Structure formats: structure tokens, C-alpha cells
Amino acid sequence: MNILAIETSCDETAAAVLDENKLLSDVVYSQLAIHQSYGGVVPELASRAHLQTIIPTIDEALHKAKIRRQQLDGIAVTYGPGLVGALLVGVNVAKALAFANRIPLLGVNHLEGHIFANRLDHPQLEPPMITLLISGGHTMLILVENWGKYRILGQTIDDAAGEAFDKVAKMLTLAYPGGPVIDEYAVKGDVNFVRFPRALNKKDNFNFSFSGLKTAVLNYIESKPEQFVRQHIYDICAGFQMAVADVLIDKTSSLAKKYQLEQVTLAGGVARNEFIRHQFSVRAGEEGYSIYFPSPNFCTDNAAMIGKAGLFHLQNGECSSFDLDAIPNLNLKAID
């Protein structure tokens, strides 16, 4: 079975081709240069960029895979959550291609795609497991009971982890997106120079809150002379990143212990963070569970993970109707 996967939920236009055994191609057009000067994604600009690049991106993915459209057996596409205008571009193109080629269409939940991302690098991975999904829009702990069967056991009550990275970077007048920059700066800093608060750290509370941490960093910066902040910017980044990592790792490890699970996976853009990956590996070794990370390219939004999830559902005889619509606030339980 050859399937084409399309991902246009935010600011990456992506297409990939997969068969049952391997990823044949994976093409991502990043809009970073378009949005960087605004310090965040501008929805209207994102939608326009998707319109301009979606067909060339699909054509390149098919060309790299050496697959013609007539050889496709199905199409998987992200239909939520995400920016509604961006989602509509991918959904409508996918519907047109599926209709024209008379092949099944499968709407994929973007969050489920992130869960499946680890299977691209670890095909042997099988549930049950705990997945920590950390991105610019989501921070949640998910019990993966089986592929396609999920329970959200904890999530952020305010800012997502990636959102906190972006906002703190902006406070420090660093570049957007903030995650990679803070990760780079923190390597040169002292994690013990300043200790920022860890929120919701009570036992058996698996929700997250990063709003207070963000405010604590702002108050700290505003209480110091500008020269002091510039002089210790690496230390501030290190202290902030340590606070985020501590909360993520403590809650994930506690949940794995509570459910007696030996497998933990990370997913989402923040899972690219080298410090967080290292700290998780150390804790996993100490507590005796196995930790899995996607390759960095499969942490951020990509069509390969959408294809992996779509392939699973298509092989199980599932498909979507042609009235499939974009659902910007789609949750993980609402899998079509």
C-alpha cells in the first residue's frame, strides 16, 4: 500500500509518501523566514504560503519516492487541530486528489500523528506506554493503551512548554522560535545561578502550568539592571530551561511508575531540545524505564508522522467521507 500524507496545520507545508515497510520520501517547506520578523506565526500569511507551496511540495514528494499519483492507494491529511485556514488548504487538496484518483481519504488527528512519530525511528515500539507530547501549542501526558486508543492523564492549564520558551526568548530579545535559541544559550550557563519555581509539583497532580514560571522570569529580568541581564543571559536561560525540564521529567516519571509502564516516549517540537532529551535519558536509567525520542526532523510538524498514523487506520479499513472538514480545536479523543 502506497499512501500520500499531507500536513498543513500551522507553518510547515509538508508531504510524504510511505508504504507498509518504509518512508519513501519526506518533504517539508518551512515558513520560518516569513513569520520570524513578526515573532510568531501570522495565520493569514501561513494560509497564503500553503496555497503557493502545497502542489510543488506534493509533486516533489512523489518524485523523490518514484511514485506516480496513479500508484497511490490512499491519502492521509491533517484535519486538526491547527490554524483553520492552513488546515483547509491541506484538507481540500487531499479531497481533490482522493476523488480524482478514486482512492480512500483519511483525516488524521495532528496529535495522534505526533504519537506515531516514534514508530518512524522505532518500528518495534508497541503499547502500552506513556507519551509526553510537548510543543508550542500542547503539553500533555497520554496513556497509549493501544494504537488508536488514548487517555489524556495530564495537560497544561495555561501556557504550553513551547509557548513558554518563545515568550521567555522574547523577554530576553532573542530570536524566534525561542526553543532552539534558549537550548543553545543554556549550554553556556549555570543551571544553579537562579532557581525559578516549579508549579503544580504535588504528588498525583499530572497537570502542568508554565504561566507562573514565565512571570517569574519576567519579574527577575525587570528587577535587575540591563547590563546584569546581558551579562548573565546564559545563566537565566539555563535556569529557566532547568525548571521546565524538572517539571516535565518528574511528572512523566511519576506517571510511568504509577501505571507500572516500562516505556516512555517523547513527541512534539520541544522533544528536539537536547538538554531535555539528555535529562530524560539520565532519569530513565535511574528509574529503569526505556525512553524513546523521534529524530529531530520528526519532532517538529511533518507529513511522515501523519502518514504513519494514516497508514495504521487505512490498513484497519477506516476512511473518511468527502465531507471531511478542518477542525481547528480538535482534541485527541475526537478521532474520525
Protein backbone atom coordinates (compact mmCIF):
# COMPACT_ATOMS: atom_id res chain seq x y z
CA MET A 1 0.00 0.00 0.00
CA ASN A 2 1.42 3.38 -1.06
CA ILE A 3 -0.05 6.44 0.63
CA LEU A 4 0.49 10.16 0.30
CA ALA A 5 0.41 12.19 3.52
CA ILE A 6 -0.21 15.95 3.74
CA GLU A 7 0.41 18.23 6.72
CA THR A 8 -0.55 21.94 6.77
CA SER A 9 -1.68 22.56 10.34
CA CYS A 10 0.50 25.61 11.03
CA ASP A 11 3.61 27.00 9.37
CA GLU A 12 5.11 23.99 7.59
CA THR A 13 3.84 22.71 4.27
CA ALA A 14 4.73 19.03 4.23
CA ALA A 15 4.13 15.95 2.11
CA ALA A 16 5.42 12.40 2.44
CA VAL A 17 5.00 9.05 0.71
CA LEU A 18 5.06 5.78 2.66
CA ASP A 19 4.42 2.11 2.10
CA GLU A 20 3.89 -0.59 4.71
CA ASN A 21 7.61 -1.02 5.31
CA LYS A 22 9.32 2.33 4.95
CA LEU A 23 9.23 6.05 4.41
CA LEU A 24 9.81 6.68 0.71
CA SER A 25 10.04 10.48 0.84
CA ASP A 26 9.54 13.34 3.27
CA VAL A 27 9.43 16.95 2.09
CA VAL A 28 8.94 19.97 4.36
CA TYR A 29 8.71 23.59 3.26
CA SER A 30 9.29 25.80 6.31
CA GLN A 31 7.71 29.24 6.55
CA LEU A 32 10.13 30.40 9.27
CA ALA A 33 11.53 33.22 7.14
CA ILE A 34 8.01 34.55 6.57
CA HIS A 35 6.99 34.71 10.25
CA GLN A 36 10.29 35.33 12.04
CA SER A 37 10.16 39.10 11.82
CA TYR A 38 6.71 39.06 13.49
CA GLY A 39 7.90 36.99 16.44
CA GLY A 40 5.24 34.34 15.79
CA VAL A 41 3.03 32.74 13.17
CA VAL A 42 0.68 35.08 11.28
CA PRO A 43 -2.32 32.89 10.29
CA GLU A 44 -3.23 34.72 7.08
CA LEU A 45 0.35 34.65 5.81
CA ALA A 46 0.59 30.96 6.71
CA SER A 47 -2.52 30.13 4.68
CA ARG A 48 -1.28 32.05 1.64
CA ALA A 49 2.12 30.33 1.80
CA HIS A 50 0.43 26.91 1.95
CA LEU A 51 -1.60 27.77 -1.16
CA GLN A 52 1.58 28.68 -3.02
CA THR A 53 3.64 25.67 -2.00
CA ILE A 54 1.28 22.72 -1.46
CA ILE A 55 1.25 21.39 -5.04
CA PRO A 56 5.03 21.75 -5.61
CA THR A 57 5.65 20.08 -2.24
CA ILE A 58 3.40 17.12 -3.13
CA ASP A 59 4.98 16.80 -6.57
CA GLU A 60 8.46 16.77 -5.03
CA ALA A 61 7.46 14.09 -2.51
CA LEU A 62 6.04 11.89 -5.29
CA HIS A 63 9.12 12.47 -7.44
CA LYS A 64 11.54 11.55 -4.64
CA ALA A 65 9.51 8.43 -3.87
CA LYS A 66 9.41 7.49 -7.57
CA ILE A 67 5.66 7.08 -7.27
CA ARG A 68 3.03 8.41 -9.68
CA ARG A 69 -0.33 9.65 -8.42
CA GLN A 70 -2.00 6.71 -10.16
CA GLN A 71 0.02 4.33 -7.95
CA LEU A 72 -1.33 5.73 -4.68
CA ASP A 73 -3.67 3.58 -2.60
CA GLY A 74 -4.77 6.27 -0.16
CA ILE A 75 -4.26 9.81 1.11
CA ALA A 76 -3.86 10.87 4.74
CA VAL A 77 -4.22 14.52 5.74
CA THR A 78 -4.18 16.51 8.96
CA TYR A 79 -7.65 17.91 9.67
CA GLY A 80 -6.97 19.33 13.14
CA PRO A 81 -6.01 20.79 15.46
CA GLY A 82 -4.32 23.84 13.95
CA LEU A 83 -4.97 27.10 12.13
CA VAL A 84 -8.26 26.77 10.30
CA GLY A 85 -7.09 28.48 7.10
CA ALA A 86 -3.93 26.41 6.96
CA LEU A 87 -5.81 23.17 7.63
CA LEU A 88 -8.35 23.91 4.90
CA VAL A 89 -5.61 24.09 2.27
CA GLY A 90 -4.37 20.60 3.03
CA VAL A 91 -7.81 19.06 3.54
CA ASN A 92 -9.22 20.40 0.26
CA VAL A 93 -6.19 19.38 -1.79
CA ALA A 94 -6.29 15.90 -0.23
CA LYS A 95 -10.01 15.54 -1.00
CA ALA A 96 -9.47 16.62 -4.61
CA LEU A 97 -6.62 14.15 -5.13
CA ALA A 98 -8.50 11.29 -3.45
CA PHE A 99 -11.63 11.98 -5.52
CA ALA A 100 -9.74 12.32 -8.80
CA ASN A 101 -7.80 9.08 -8.22
CA ARG A 102 -10.74 7.21 -6.63
CA ILE A 103 -8.77 6.22 -3.55
CA PRO A 104 -9.60 6.34 0.19
CA LEU A 105 -9.21 9.55 2.17
CA LEU A 106 -8.22 9.50 5.84
CA GLY A 107 -8.34 12.53 8.13
CA VAL A 108 -5.59 12.32 10.75
CA ASN A 109 -5.55 13.98 14.15
CA HIS A 110 -2.32 16.01 14.29
CA LEU A 111 -1.75 14.99 17.92
CA GLU A 112 -2.04 11.33 17.05
CA GLY A 113 0.49 11.93 14.31
CA HIS A 114 2.99 13.08 16.92
CA ILE A 115 2.35 9.90 18.93
CA PHE A 116 3.10 7.79 15.84
CA ALA A 117 6.29 9.76 15.06
CA ASN A 118 8.36 7.43 17.24
CA ARG A 119 7.39 4.47 15.07
CA LEU A 120 9.29 6.02 12.18
CA ASP A 121 12.55 5.51 14.08
CA HIS A 122 11.46 2.66 16.35
CA PRO A 123 9.19 0.36 14.29
CA GLN A 124 9.35 -2.27 17.02
CA LEU A 125 7.68 0.06 19.53
CA GLU A 126 4.34 -1.25 20.80
CA PRO A 127 1.95 -0.01 23.52
CA PRO A 128 1.27 0.29 26.38
CA MET A 129 3.38 3.36 27.08
CA ILE A 130 3.33 6.92 28.35
CA THR A 131 3.77 9.66 25.75
CA LEU A 132 4.76 13.18 26.74
CA LEU A 133 3.65 15.47 23.92
CA ILE A 134 5.39 18.84 24.22
CA SER A 135 5.06 21.52 21.56
CA GLY A 136 4.25 25.17 21.04
CA GLY A 137 0.54 24.54 21.42
CA HIS A 138 0.28 21.44 23.59
CA THR A 139 1.77 19.88 26.69
CA MET A 140 0.08 16.65 27.72
CA LEU A 141 0.73 13.25 29.24
CA ILE A 142 -1.00 10.49 27.31
CA LEU A 143 -1.50 6.87 28.24
CA VAL A 144 -1.23 4.97 24.96
CA GLU A 145 -3.17 1.80 25.75
CA ASN A 146 -3.04 0.70 22.13
CA TRP A 147 -2.57 2.36 18.76
CA GLY A 148 -5.71 4.41 18.31
CA LYS A 149 -6.68 4.20 21.97
CA TYR A 150 -5.51 7.05 24.20
CA ARG A 151 -6.22 8.56 27.60
CA ILE A 152 -5.05 12.07 28.49
CA LEU A 153 -3.85 11.89 32.10
CA GLY A 154 -2.46 15.39 32.42
CA GLN A 155 -2.08 18.59 30.41
CA THR A 156 -1.20 22.25 30.74
CA ILE A 157 -3.78 24.52 32.33
CA ASP A 158 -2.28 27.62 30.69
CA ASP A 159 0.82 28.01 28.50
CA ALA A 160 2.31 25.08 26.60
CA ALA A 161 6.00 24.36 27.17
CA GLY A 162 6.99 25.56 23.71
CA GLU A 163 4.93 28.71 24.17
CA ALA A 164 6.82 29.43 27.40
CA PHE A 165 10.15 29.05 25.57
CA ASP A 166 9.03 31.51 22.89
CA LYS A 167 7.77 34.08 25.42
CA VAL A 168 10.88 33.93 27.58
CA ALA A 169 13.07 34.27 24.50
CA LYS A 170 11.09 37.36 23.53
CA MET A 171 11.61 38.82 27.03
CA LEU A 172 15.34 38.36 26.53
CA THR A 173 15.14 39.83 22.99
CA LEU A 174 16.27 36.54 21.47
CA ALA A 175 15.22 35.22 18.08
CA TYR A 176 12.01 33.35 17.25
CA PRO A 177 11.38 30.46 17.69
CA GLY A 178 12.74 30.62 21.22
CA GLY A 179 13.24 26.93 21.95
CA PRO A 180 16.37 26.29 19.87
CA VAL A 181 17.97 29.59 20.93
CA ILE A 182 17.41 29.02 24.65
CA ASP A 183 18.70 25.45 24.31
CA GLU A 184 21.86 26.80 22.66
CA TYR A 185 22.37 29.60 25.21
CA ALA A 186 21.67 27.38 28.22
CA VAL A 187 24.62 25.11 27.38
CA LYS A 188 26.91 28.01 28.32
CA GLY A 189 25.03 28.85 31.53
CA ASP A 190 24.87 27.67 35.14
CA VAL A 191 21.60 25.87 35.95
CA ASN A 192 22.09 26.77 39.64
CA PHE A 193 22.65 30.51 39.12
CA VAL A 194 18.95 31.26 39.62
CA ARG A 195 16.24 28.82 40.67
CA PHE A 196 12.86 29.53 39.13
CA PRO A 197 9.63 28.00 40.56
CA ARG A 198 8.26 24.57 39.66
CA ALA A 199 4.45 24.72 39.54
CA LEU A 200 1.89 22.05 40.44
CA ASN A 201 4.54 19.80 41.98
CA LYS A 202 2.18 17.98 44.34
CA LYS A 203 2.04 14.20 44.21
CA ASP A 204 -0.51 12.69 41.80
CA ASN A 205 -1.07 16.01 40.04
CA PHE A 206 -0.07 15.41 36.44
CA ASN A 207 -1.18 18.74 35.00
CA PHE A 208 1.28 21.45 34.01
CA SER A 209 1.43 25.21 34.42
CA PHE A 210 4.11 27.42 32.86
CA SER A 211 2.44 30.81 33.20
CA GLY A 212 3.85 31.39 36.68
CA LEU A 213 7.33 30.36 35.56
CA LYS A 214 7.12 32.81 32.66
CA THR A 215 6.07 35.58 35.07
CA ALA A 216 8.88 34.68 37.48
CA VAL A 217 11.44 35.05 34.68
CA LEU A 218 9.92 38.42 33.70
CA ASN A 219 10.00 39.68 37.31
CA TYR A 220 13.59 38.54 37.67
CA ILE A 221 14.66 40.32 34.48
CA GLU A 222 12.85 43.52 35.42
CA SER A 223 14.41 43.52 38.90
CA LYS A 224 17.95 43.55 37.50
CA PRO A 225 19.92 46.19 35.59
CA GLU A 226 20.01 45.65 31.85
CA GLN A 227 23.78 45.13 31.95
CA PHE A 228 23.35 42.36 34.55
CA VAL A 229 20.78 40.58 32.37
CA ARG A 230 23.06 40.78 29.32
CA GLN A 231 25.99 39.53 31.37
CA HIS A 232 24.05 36.56 32.77
CA ILE A 233 21.73 35.77 29.86
CA TYR A 234 23.19 32.25 29.51
CA ASP A 235 22.57 31.59 33.21
CA ILE A 236 18.98 32.86 33.02
CA CYS A 237 18.32 30.59 30.03
CA ALA A 238 19.86 27.65 31.86
CA GLY A 239 17.79 28.26 34.99
CA PHE A 240 14.58 28.60 33.02
CA GLN A 241 15.24 25.50 30.94
CA MET A 242 16.10 23.51 34.05
CA ALA A 243 12.77 24.49 35.64
CA VAL A 244 10.85 23.32 32.57
CA ALA A 245 12.82 20.07 32.34
CA ASP A 246 12.38 19.25 36.04
CA VAL A 247 8.59 19.50 35.86
CA LEU A 248 8.32 17.54 32.60
CA ILE A 249 10.58 14.74 33.81
CA ASP A 250 9.22 14.49 37.36
CA LYS A 251 5.60 14.20 36.27
CA THR A 252 6.31 11.81 33.40
CA SER A 253 8.46 9.54 35.54
CA SER A 254 5.90 9.53 38.36
CA LEU A 255 3.13 8.61 35.94
CA ALA A 256 5.17 5.77 34.43
CA LYS A 257 5.78 4.44 37.94
CA LYS A 258 2.12 4.79 38.93
CA TYR A 259 0.96 2.76 35.91
CA GLN A 260 3.96 0.39 36.10
CA LEU A 261 4.93 1.07 32.50
CA GLU A 262 8.42 0.44 31.21
CA GLN A 263 8.18 2.57 28.05
CA VAL A 264 8.08 6.36 27.77
CA THR A 265 8.10 8.30 24.50
CA LEU A 266 8.55 12.00 23.81
CA ALA A 267 6.85 13.80 20.92
CA GLY A 268 6.42 17.33 19.59
CA GLY A 269 8.73 20.21 18.77
CA VAL A 270 10.11 20.64 22.30
CA ALA A 271 11.22 16.99 22.19
CA ARG A 272 14.07 18.27 19.98
CA ASN A 273 15.58 20.04 22.99
CA GLU A 274 18.97 18.41 23.60
CA PHE A 275 19.04 19.21 27.31
CA ILE A 276 15.59 17.76 27.94
CA ARG A 277 16.48 14.62 25.97
CA HIS A 278 19.68 14.18 27.99
CA GLN A 279 17.96 14.72 31.34
CA PHE A 280 15.23 12.24 30.41
CA SER A 281 17.85 9.65 29.44
CA VAL A 282 19.56 10.06 32.81
CA ARG A 283 16.30 9.70 34.73
CA ALA A 284 15.21 6.71 32.65
CA GLY A 285 18.47 4.97 33.52
CA GLU A 286 17.98 5.70 37.20
CA GLU A 287 14.36 4.56 37.34
CA GLY A 288 14.54 1.62 34.95
CA TYR A 289 12.24 2.58 32.11
CA SER A 290 13.07 2.82 28.40
CA ILE A 291 12.89 6.25 26.80
CA TYR A 292 12.29 6.84 23.08
CA PHE A 293 12.69 10.03 21.07
CA PRO A 294 11.83 10.72 17.44
CA SER A 295 14.58 12.02 15.19
CA PRO A 296 14.72 15.83 15.38
CA ASN A 297 13.07 16.16 11.95
CA PHE A 298 10.12 14.07 13.16
CA CYS A 299 9.62 16.14 16.33
CA THR A 300 8.50 19.26 14.51
CA ASP A 301 5.48 19.21 12.19
CA ASN A 302 5.99 16.82 9.29
CA ALA A 303 3.92 14.66 6.95
CA ALA A 304 5.80 11.43 7.68
CA MET A 305 4.18 11.10 11.11
CA ILE A 306 0.75 11.87 9.60
CA GLY A 307 1.36 9.15 7.05
CA LYS A 308 2.40 6.65 9.71
CA ALA A 309 -0.82 7.25 11.66
CA GLY A 310 -2.90 7.30 8.47
CA LEU A 311 -1.39 4.03 7.26
CA PHE A 312 -2.40 2.33 10.51
CA HIS A 313 -6.03 3.42 10.18
CA LEU A 314 -6.27 2.72 6.44
CA GLN A 315 -4.89 -0.79 6.95
CA ASN A 316 -7.62 -1.32 9.52
CA GLY A 317 -10.28 -0.49 6.94
CA GLU A 318 -11.02 3.03 8.17
CA CYS A 319 -11.56 6.03 5.92
CA SER A 320 -13.14 9.48 5.99
CA SER A 321 -16.01 10.77 3.87
CA PHE A 322 -15.59 13.60 1.40
CA ASP A 323 -17.39 16.00 3.72
CA LEU A 324 -14.29 15.90 5.96
CA ASP A 325 -13.78 19.40 7.33
CA ALA A 326 -10.98 21.21 9.16
CA ILE A 327 -11.46 21.25 12.95
CA PRO A 328 -9.04 23.79 14.48
CA ASN A 329 -9.77 22.80 18.09
CA LEU A 330 -9.84 19.02 17.52
CA ASN A 331 -8.95 17.07 20.64
CA LEU A 332 -7.24 13.71 20.88
CA LYS A 333 -10.42 11.80 21.70
CA ALA A 334 -12.18 13.01 18.55
CA ILE A 335 -10.50 10.68 16.06
CA ASP A 336 -12.53 10.32 12.86
